[in-house]
Amino acid sequence: MSIRFAVLLTLAAAPAFCQNWNARQAEQYLDARQKAWDAWPMALHSGVACVSCHTGLTYLISRPALRQSLGEKSGPTLYERVLVDSMRATVIRTDAKDLFAGLKGPIVDQVYGAQVVLSSLVLAMDDAPHGKLSPEGEKAFERMWSIQLKDGPDKGAFHWSDFDLDPWETKDAAFYGASLAALATGLAPADYQARPEIRDNVAALESYLRAGQKTQSLHNKMFLLWASAKLAGLLSEADKKAILDELWSKQEADGGWTMQSFGQWKKREAAAVSVGSNSYITALAAYATEQAGVQPSQPGLSKALAWLGTHQDASGAWIADSMNHKHSAYGPIPEKFMSDAATGYATAALLGAGDQGIERTASNSKPRN
């Protein structure tokens, strides 16, 4: 099965900021983490592999770009195939809510909504190179629109997981989920977004996102900005400029962004204290702005890429701490969730800027800062 993300990443000539990190080590870290995630019983609770926002989704974004950059001819990894095949398997089920046996109450609809949006996004990315949606891709989108909220303050959006876990599974993260739905729609092949039968659905989704953007965290706005680059007409040029102006105004002198600059997060006594520029936030900012068409030579993005290029850990990862718990509290699999996301977006951002001068064999990664 082919997973190509040419629609997501455009490789260009690389300036000096790409020369201080090791792509092979990033690849090894990401492969090892996805292997561990695929084998973790909690991730297999539904009977198929889970595409998580932190590990699976960022792996599917960054891994094909690494393969292209490193000249690998072997095709998608086993772990990529497992994730995509799992999403295909879920849409075949007549009642996919049976994936979440054991959950009760409103959380069932929330988790189901997140699963449906993520499966649409993954299959849109996988189907795009073939020029049309596969039968499973068609079913995924059909299911997504069928659960779109038809009334209330969140009309146009979708139920989304709320486990009170920042930044992806809170009440406010419903906007993030809706942005992913818009991204999926924009990435779908053959002008899917223009189909008459989904025109009202797309319009309701766009209306929800436009109306809510000004009150959203900068974190959520990054996903909206990314989606706007794929879904034509989602944001006006003035709205895009406003988001970018806010982003650049909060950039640190070293080129990164702090966690605090991206949202008014809930104070959690059990979480590690985030000080200074944050790997996850900086990687997300760099990747989202690239997707929105900002050139790597632009001063703010250039500084962000330079920061990323010198903050890879000796393990191959970009280290970031959980916003909710101390890493050691939940064992070796979940303790690195935030680093997984940071590494996926950092790798994709650096490769998106260009891969000339990447060290492919020997280590030149830096110690953690």
Protein backbone atom coordinates (compact mmCIF):
# COMPACT_ATOMS: atom_id res chain seq x y z
CA MET A 1 0.00 0.00 0.00
CA SER A 2 1.44 3.34 -1.02
CA ILE A 3 1.48 6.22 1.43
CA ARG A 4 2.88 9.33 -0.21
CA PHE A 5 2.48 12.75 1.20
CA ALA A 6 3.66 14.92 -1.66
CA VAL A 7 0.61 17.06 -0.99
CA LEU A 8 1.97 17.77 2.47
CA LEU A 9 5.67 18.30 2.00
CA THR A 10 7.61 20.23 -0.63
CA LEU A 11 11.35 19.75 -0.51
CA ALA A 12 13.50 22.72 -1.43
CA ALA A 13 17.16 23.68 -1.23
CA ALA A 14 18.31 23.70 2.39
CA PRO A 15 19.98 26.56 4.17
CA ALA A 16 22.40 26.07 7.03
CA PHE A 17 19.73 25.53 9.67
CA CYS A 18 19.14 21.97 8.47
CA GLN A 19 22.71 20.82 8.99
CA ASN A 20 22.80 20.17 12.73
CA TRP A 21 20.39 17.28 13.09
CA ASN A 22 20.44 13.61 12.20
CA ALA A 23 17.61 12.29 10.05
CA ARG A 24 18.58 8.65 10.49
CA GLN A 25 18.40 8.92 14.26
CA ALA A 26 15.03 10.64 14.03
CA GLU A 27 13.83 7.78 11.84
CA GLN A 28 15.08 5.17 14.30
CA TYR A 29 13.38 6.92 17.21
CA LEU A 30 10.06 7.25 15.37
CA ASP A 31 10.09 3.63 14.17
CA ALA A 32 10.86 2.34 17.66
CA ARG A 33 8.14 4.45 19.22
CA GLN A 34 5.48 3.42 16.70
CA LYS A 35 6.48 -0.24 17.13
CA ALA A 36 6.05 0.10 20.89
CA TRP A 37 2.74 1.94 20.49
CA ASP A 38 1.36 -0.74 18.14
CA ALA A 39 2.16 -3.41 20.73
CA TRP A 40 0.81 -1.51 23.75
CA PRO A 41 -2.40 -3.17 25.05
CA MET A 42 -4.04 0.20 25.75
CA ALA A 43 -3.58 1.21 22.11
CA LEU A 44 -5.06 -2.11 20.96
CA HIS A 45 -8.09 -2.00 23.24
CA SER A 46 -10.45 -1.69 20.27
CA GLY A 47 -8.92 -4.66 18.47
CA VAL A 48 -7.15 -2.55 15.84
CA ALA A 49 -4.21 -0.16 16.08
CA CYS A 50 -5.09 3.34 17.24
CA VAL A 51 -3.99 6.40 15.28
CA SER A 52 -3.14 8.73 18.15
CA CYS A 53 -2.78 12.49 17.73
CA HIS A 54 0.66 12.44 19.32
CA THR A 55 2.35 9.30 17.98
CA GLY A 56 0.45 7.73 15.08
CA LEU A 57 -0.64 10.82 13.19
CA THR A 58 2.74 12.53 13.39
CA TYR A 59 4.43 9.26 12.38
CA LEU A 60 2.29 9.07 9.23
CA ILE A 61 3.18 12.67 8.39
CA SER A 62 6.93 12.45 8.98
CA ARG A 63 7.90 8.88 8.09
CA PRO A 64 7.22 9.03 4.31
CA ALA A 65 9.20 12.27 4.11
CA LEU A 66 12.13 10.61 5.89
CA ARG A 67 12.00 7.68 3.50
CA GLN A 68 12.14 10.03 0.52
CA SER A 69 14.93 12.11 1.99
CA LEU A 70 17.05 9.10 2.95
CA GLY A 71 16.57 7.46 -0.44
CA GLU A 72 14.90 4.33 0.89
CA LYS A 73 13.28 2.14 -1.77
CA SER A 74 11.52 -0.35 0.48
CA GLY A 75 8.17 1.45 0.59
CA PRO A 76 5.99 2.06 3.64
CA THR A 77 7.07 0.49 6.89
CA LEU A 78 5.14 -2.26 8.62
CA TYR A 79 4.00 0.31 11.20
CA GLU A 80 2.61 2.65 8.54
CA ARG A 81 0.71 -0.22 6.95
CA VAL A 82 -0.69 -1.33 10.30
CA LEU A 83 -2.02 2.16 11.03
CA VAL A 84 -3.60 2.69 7.62
CA ASP A 85 -4.99 -0.85 7.40
CA SER A 86 -6.50 -0.41 10.86
CA MET A 87 -8.32 2.72 9.70
CA ARG A 88 -9.61 0.85 6.65
CA ALA A 89 -10.81 -1.96 8.90
CA THR A 90 -12.74 0.36 11.19
CA VAL A 91 -14.85 1.90 8.43
CA ILE A 92 -15.98 -1.52 7.21
CA ARG A 93 -17.73 -2.20 10.51
CA THR A 94 -21.47 -1.61 10.46
CA ASP A 95 -21.46 -0.23 14.00
CA ALA A 96 -18.00 1.10 14.71
CA LYS A 97 -18.99 2.12 18.24
CA ASP A 98 -18.32 -1.48 19.22
CA LEU A 99 -14.65 -0.48 18.99
CA PHE A 100 -15.03 1.14 22.39
CA ALA A 101 -16.55 -1.60 24.50
CA GLY A 102 -16.25 -0.77 28.17
CA LEU A 103 -16.74 2.97 27.73
CA LYS A 104 -20.06 4.37 28.90
CA GLY A 105 -21.89 7.66 28.72
CA PRO A 106 -21.06 10.75 26.62
CA ILE A 107 -17.41 9.71 26.27
CA VAL A 108 -18.47 7.00 23.77
CA ASP A 109 -19.72 9.59 21.28
CA GLN A 110 -16.66 11.73 21.95
CA VAL A 111 -14.12 8.97 21.32
CA TYR A 112 -16.09 7.75 18.33
CA GLY A 113 -16.15 11.25 16.85
CA ALA A 114 -12.38 11.56 17.19
CA GLN A 115 -11.85 8.13 15.64
CA VAL A 116 -14.10 8.95 12.68
CA VAL A 117 -12.35 12.27 11.96
CA LEU A 118 -8.89 10.73 12.25
CA SER A 119 -9.79 7.80 9.99
CA SER A 120 -11.04 10.26 7.35
CA LEU A 121 -7.80 12.22 7.58
CA VAL A 122 -5.54 9.17 7.36
CA LEU A 123 -7.41 7.68 4.41
CA ALA A 124 -7.57 11.02 2.60
CA MET A 125 -3.78 11.25 2.84
CA ASP A 126 -3.32 7.67 1.73
CA ASP A 127 -5.79 7.89 -1.16
CA ALA A 128 -4.74 11.32 -2.48
CA PRO A 129 -1.85 10.08 -4.67
CA HIS A 130 -4.23 7.75 -6.48
CA GLY A 131 -6.51 10.60 -7.56
CA LYS A 132 -9.70 9.23 -6.01
CA LEU A 133 -11.06 8.01 -2.72
CA SER A 134 -10.99 4.29 -2.10
CA PRO A 135 -14.25 2.58 -1.04
CA GLU A 136 -13.03 2.78 2.56
CA GLY A 137 -12.17 6.45 2.13
CA GLU A 138 -15.64 7.15 0.77
CA LYS A 139 -17.17 5.34 3.73
CA ALA A 140 -14.97 7.22 6.19
CA PHE A 141 -16.15 10.60 4.92
CA GLU A 142 -19.77 9.45 4.69
CA ARG A 143 -19.57 8.42 8.34
CA MET A 144 -17.86 11.67 9.32
CA TRP A 145 -20.59 13.85 7.83
CA SER A 146 -23.29 11.65 9.34
CA ILE A 147 -22.14 12.51 12.87
CA GLN A 148 -21.54 16.22 12.25
CA LEU A 149 -23.38 18.28 14.88
CA LYS A 150 -26.51 19.79 13.35
CA ASP A 151 -27.43 22.36 16.03
CA GLY A 152 -26.28 24.06 19.21
CA PRO A 153 -23.18 26.20 19.82
CA ASP A 154 -20.92 23.62 18.16
CA LYS A 155 -23.02 23.25 15.02
CA GLY A 156 -20.77 22.15 12.18
CA ALA A 157 -18.19 20.50 14.46
CA PHE A 158 -17.93 16.94 15.82
CA HIS A 159 -17.91 15.29 19.20
CA TRP A 160 -14.31 15.05 20.37
CA SER A 161 -12.54 13.18 23.18
CA ASP A 162 -12.55 15.02 26.50
CA PHE A 163 -10.39 13.20 29.03
CA ASP A 164 -9.20 16.51 30.52
CA LEU A 165 -5.79 15.97 28.94
CA ASP A 166 -4.02 18.90 27.25
CA PRO A 167 -3.57 19.73 24.45
CA TRP A 168 -5.55 17.21 22.34
CA GLU A 169 -8.27 15.78 24.61
CA THR A 170 -10.13 18.57 26.37
CA LYS A 171 -13.41 20.39 25.81
CA ASP A 172 -11.53 23.12 23.93
CA ALA A 173 -9.88 20.52 21.69
CA ALA A 174 -13.14 20.11 19.77
CA PHE A 175 -11.94 23.04 17.64
CA TYR A 176 -8.69 21.15 16.98
CA GLY A 177 -10.74 18.13 15.90
CA ALA A 178 -12.88 20.23 13.57
CA SER A 179 -9.70 21.67 12.04
CA LEU A 180 -8.50 18.12 11.35
CA ALA A 181 -11.85 17.40 9.66
CA ALA A 182 -11.34 20.46 7.45
CA LEU A 183 -7.79 19.31 6.69
CA ALA A 184 -9.07 15.86 5.74
CA THR A 185 -11.66 17.37 3.41
CA GLY A 186 -9.07 19.60 1.76
CA LEU A 187 -6.62 16.74 1.29
CA ALA A 188 -9.17 14.37 -0.22
CA PRO A 189 -8.49 13.77 -3.93
CA ALA A 190 -10.45 14.75 -7.02
CA ASP A 191 -11.95 17.94 -5.67
CA TYR A 192 -13.95 16.02 -3.10
CA GLN A 193 -14.75 19.21 -1.21
CA ALA A 194 -16.73 20.52 -4.21
CA ARG A 195 -19.21 17.64 -4.35
CA PRO A 196 -22.78 19.02 -4.23
CA GLU A 197 -23.93 16.42 -1.69
CA ILE A 198 -21.45 17.61 0.96
CA ARG A 199 -21.62 21.32 0.21
CA ASP A 200 -23.83 22.08 3.21
CA ASN A 201 -21.63 19.98 5.50
CA VAL A 202 -18.50 21.79 4.42
CA ALA A 203 -20.20 25.16 4.76
CA ALA A 204 -21.31 24.35 8.32
CA LEU A 205 -17.79 23.22 9.24
CA GLU A 206 -16.24 26.36 7.77
CA SER A 207 -18.77 28.55 9.57
CA TYR A 208 -17.96 26.92 12.90
CA LEU A 209 -14.23 27.37 12.42
CA ARG A 210 -14.42 30.96 11.23
CA ALA A 211 -16.80 32.00 14.02
CA GLY A 212 -14.69 30.44 16.76
CA GLN A 213 -11.17 31.24 15.65
CA LYS A 214 -10.69 34.51 17.54
CA THR A 215 -11.29 32.90 20.93
CA GLN A 216 -9.08 29.88 20.28
CA SER A 217 -5.63 29.18 21.65
CA LEU A 218 -2.71 29.76 19.32
CA HIS A 219 -2.18 26.00 19.49
CA ASN A 220 -5.57 25.34 17.89
CA LYS A 221 -5.07 28.17 15.42
CA MET A 222 -2.00 26.41 14.05
CA PHE A 223 -4.17 23.49 12.94
CA LEU A 224 -6.72 25.89 11.49
CA LEU A 225 -3.94 27.63 9.57
CA TRP A 226 -2.71 24.29 8.25
CA ALA A 227 -6.24 23.28 7.21
CA SER A 228 -6.77 26.61 5.46
CA ALA A 229 -3.87 25.81 3.13
CA LYS A 230 -5.72 22.71 1.89
CA LEU A 231 -9.41 23.65 2.08
CA ALA A 232 -9.93 26.50 -0.36
CA GLY A 233 -11.68 29.53 1.07
CA LEU A 234 -11.63 28.38 4.68
CA LEU A 235 -9.91 31.57 5.88
CA SER A 236 -9.54 34.99 4.34
CA GLU A 237 -6.07 36.34 3.71
CA ALA A 238 -6.69 38.85 6.51
CA ASP A 239 -7.49 36.03 8.96
CA LYS A 240 -4.37 34.11 7.95
CA LYS A 241 -2.27 37.23 8.40
CA ALA A 242 -3.76 37.83 11.84
CA ILE A 243 -2.81 34.34 12.97
CA LEU A 244 0.73 34.69 11.62
CA ASP A 245 1.13 38.15 13.17
CA GLU A 246 0.10 36.73 16.54
CA LEU A 247 2.52 33.85 16.11
CA TRP A 248 5.54 35.99 15.24
CA SER A 249 4.75 38.42 18.07
CA LYS A 250 5.09 35.59 20.60
CA GLN A 251 8.31 34.08 19.24
CA GLU A 252 11.23 34.00 21.66
CA ALA A 253 14.58 35.58 20.84
CA ASP A 254 16.12 32.11 20.43
CA GLY A 255 13.63 31.25 17.65
CA GLY A 256 11.29 29.00 19.62
CA TRP A 257 7.97 29.43 21.41
CA THR A 258 7.05 28.65 25.00
CA MET A 259 4.20 26.38 25.95
CA GLN A 260 2.57 29.27 27.79
CA SER A 261 2.52 31.43 24.65
CA PHE A 262 0.24 28.94 22.89
CA GLY A 263 -2.64 28.80 25.35
CA GLN A 264 -4.02 29.41 28.81
CA TRP A 265 -3.50 25.85 29.93
CA LYS A 266 -4.94 24.29 33.06
CA LYS A 267 -2.52 24.30 35.96
CA ARG A 268 -1.62 20.71 36.83
CA GLU A 269 0.41 19.97 39.91
CA ALA A 270 1.50 16.57 38.57
CA ALA A 271 2.95 17.97 35.34
CA ALA A 272 6.55 18.92 34.74
CA VAL A 273 7.15 22.66 34.61
CA SER A 274 7.78 23.87 31.07
CA VAL A 275 10.47 26.56 30.95
CA GLY A 276 11.71 28.35 27.85
CA SER A 277 11.16 27.39 24.23
CA ASN A 278 9.28 24.12 23.87
CA SER A 279 10.12 21.48 21.27
CA TYR A 280 6.55 20.44 20.53
CA ILE A 281 5.22 23.97 20.22
CA THR A 282 8.16 25.15 18.11
CA ALA A 283 7.95 22.13 15.81
CA LEU A 284 4.20 22.56 15.34
CA ALA A 285 4.60 26.27 14.59
CA ALA A 286 7.32 25.62 12.01
CA TYR A 287 5.41 22.84 10.28
CA ALA A 288 2.04 24.62 10.21
CA THR A 289 3.51 27.83 8.82
CA GLU A 290 5.36 25.92 6.12
CA GLN A 291 2.10 24.25 5.14
CA ALA A 292 0.49 27.70 4.99
CA GLY A 293 3.06 28.79 2.41
CA VAL A 294 5.57 30.67 4.56
CA GLN A 295 9.00 30.33 2.97
CA PRO A 296 11.90 28.94 5.03
CA SER A 297 13.84 32.13 4.31
CA GLN A 298 11.22 34.21 6.15
CA PRO A 299 13.01 35.48 9.32
CA GLY A 300 10.61 34.02 11.89
CA LEU A 301 10.45 30.58 10.27
CA SER A 302 14.18 30.57 9.60
CA LYS A 303 14.85 31.19 13.30
CA ALA A 304 12.41 28.45 14.30
CA LEU A 305 14.06 25.94 11.96
CA ALA A 306 17.48 26.92 13.31
CA TRP A 307 16.25 26.28 16.84
CA LEU A 308 14.91 22.86 15.85
CA GLY A 309 18.11 22.01 14.00
CA THR A 310 20.13 22.31 17.20
CA HIS A 311 17.75 20.75 19.74
CA GLN A 312 17.63 17.11 18.74
CA ASP A 313 18.41 14.84 21.67
CA ALA A 314 21.05 12.12 21.54
CA SER A 315 18.19 9.61 21.33
CA GLY A 316 17.13 11.10 18.00
CA ALA A 317 14.09 12.78 19.53
CA TRP A 318 13.06 16.33 20.29
CA ILE A 319 12.22 16.14 23.97
CA ALA A 320 8.98 17.58 25.32
CA ASP A 321 7.23 16.89 28.62
CA SER A 322 3.62 15.91 29.23
CA MET A 323 1.36 18.81 30.11
CA ASN A 324 -0.64 16.55 32.44
CA HIS A 325 1.60 14.15 34.35
CA LYS A 326 5.21 13.54 35.19
CA HIS A 327 6.63 11.20 32.58
CA SER A 328 7.60 8.43 34.96
CA ALA A 329 4.10 8.10 36.42
CA TYR A 330 2.58 5.97 33.64
CA GLY A 331 5.36 3.69 32.41
CA PRO A 332 7.69 3.59 29.40
CA ILE A 333 5.06 3.78 26.61
CA PRO A 334 3.04 6.90 27.50
CA GLU A 335 5.95 8.77 29.06
CA LYS A 336 7.22 9.88 25.63
CA PHE A 337 3.93 10.92 24.00
CA MET A 338 4.81 14.60 23.83
CA SER A 339 8.29 13.86 22.51
CA ASP A 340 6.73 11.71 19.80
CA ALA A 341 4.66 14.66 18.61
CA ALA A 342 7.59 17.05 18.85
CA THR A 343 9.82 14.69 16.87
CA GLY A 344 7.24 14.05 14.17
CA TYR A 345 6.53 17.71 13.52
CA ALA A 346 10.18 18.77 13.88
CA THR A 347 11.30 16.16 11.35
CA ALA A 348 8.54 17.08 8.89
CA ALA A 349 9.29 20.80 9.26
CA LEU A 350 13.03 20.40 8.72
CA LEU A 351 12.53 18.12 5.73
CA GLY A 352 9.92 20.48 4.35
CA ALA A 353 12.56 23.22 4.36
CA GLY A 354 15.00 21.01 2.43
CA ASP A 355 17.26 18.06 3.07
CA GLN A 356 20.59 19.16 1.64
CA GLY A 357 23.35 18.61 4.19
CA ILE A 358 21.42 16.18 6.40
CA GLU A 359 23.72 13.74 8.14
CA ARG A 360 22.43 10.31 7.29
CA THR A 361 24.81 7.94 9.08
CA ALA A 362 27.05 9.27 11.83
CA SER A 363 25.49 11.03 14.81
CA ASN A 364 25.63 14.78 15.10
CA SER A 365 22.66 15.20 17.43
CA LYS A 366 22.91 17.59 20.33
CA PRO A 367 22.38 16.88 24.02
CA ARG A 368 19.06 17.93 25.49
CA ASN A 369 18.78 21.60 26.39
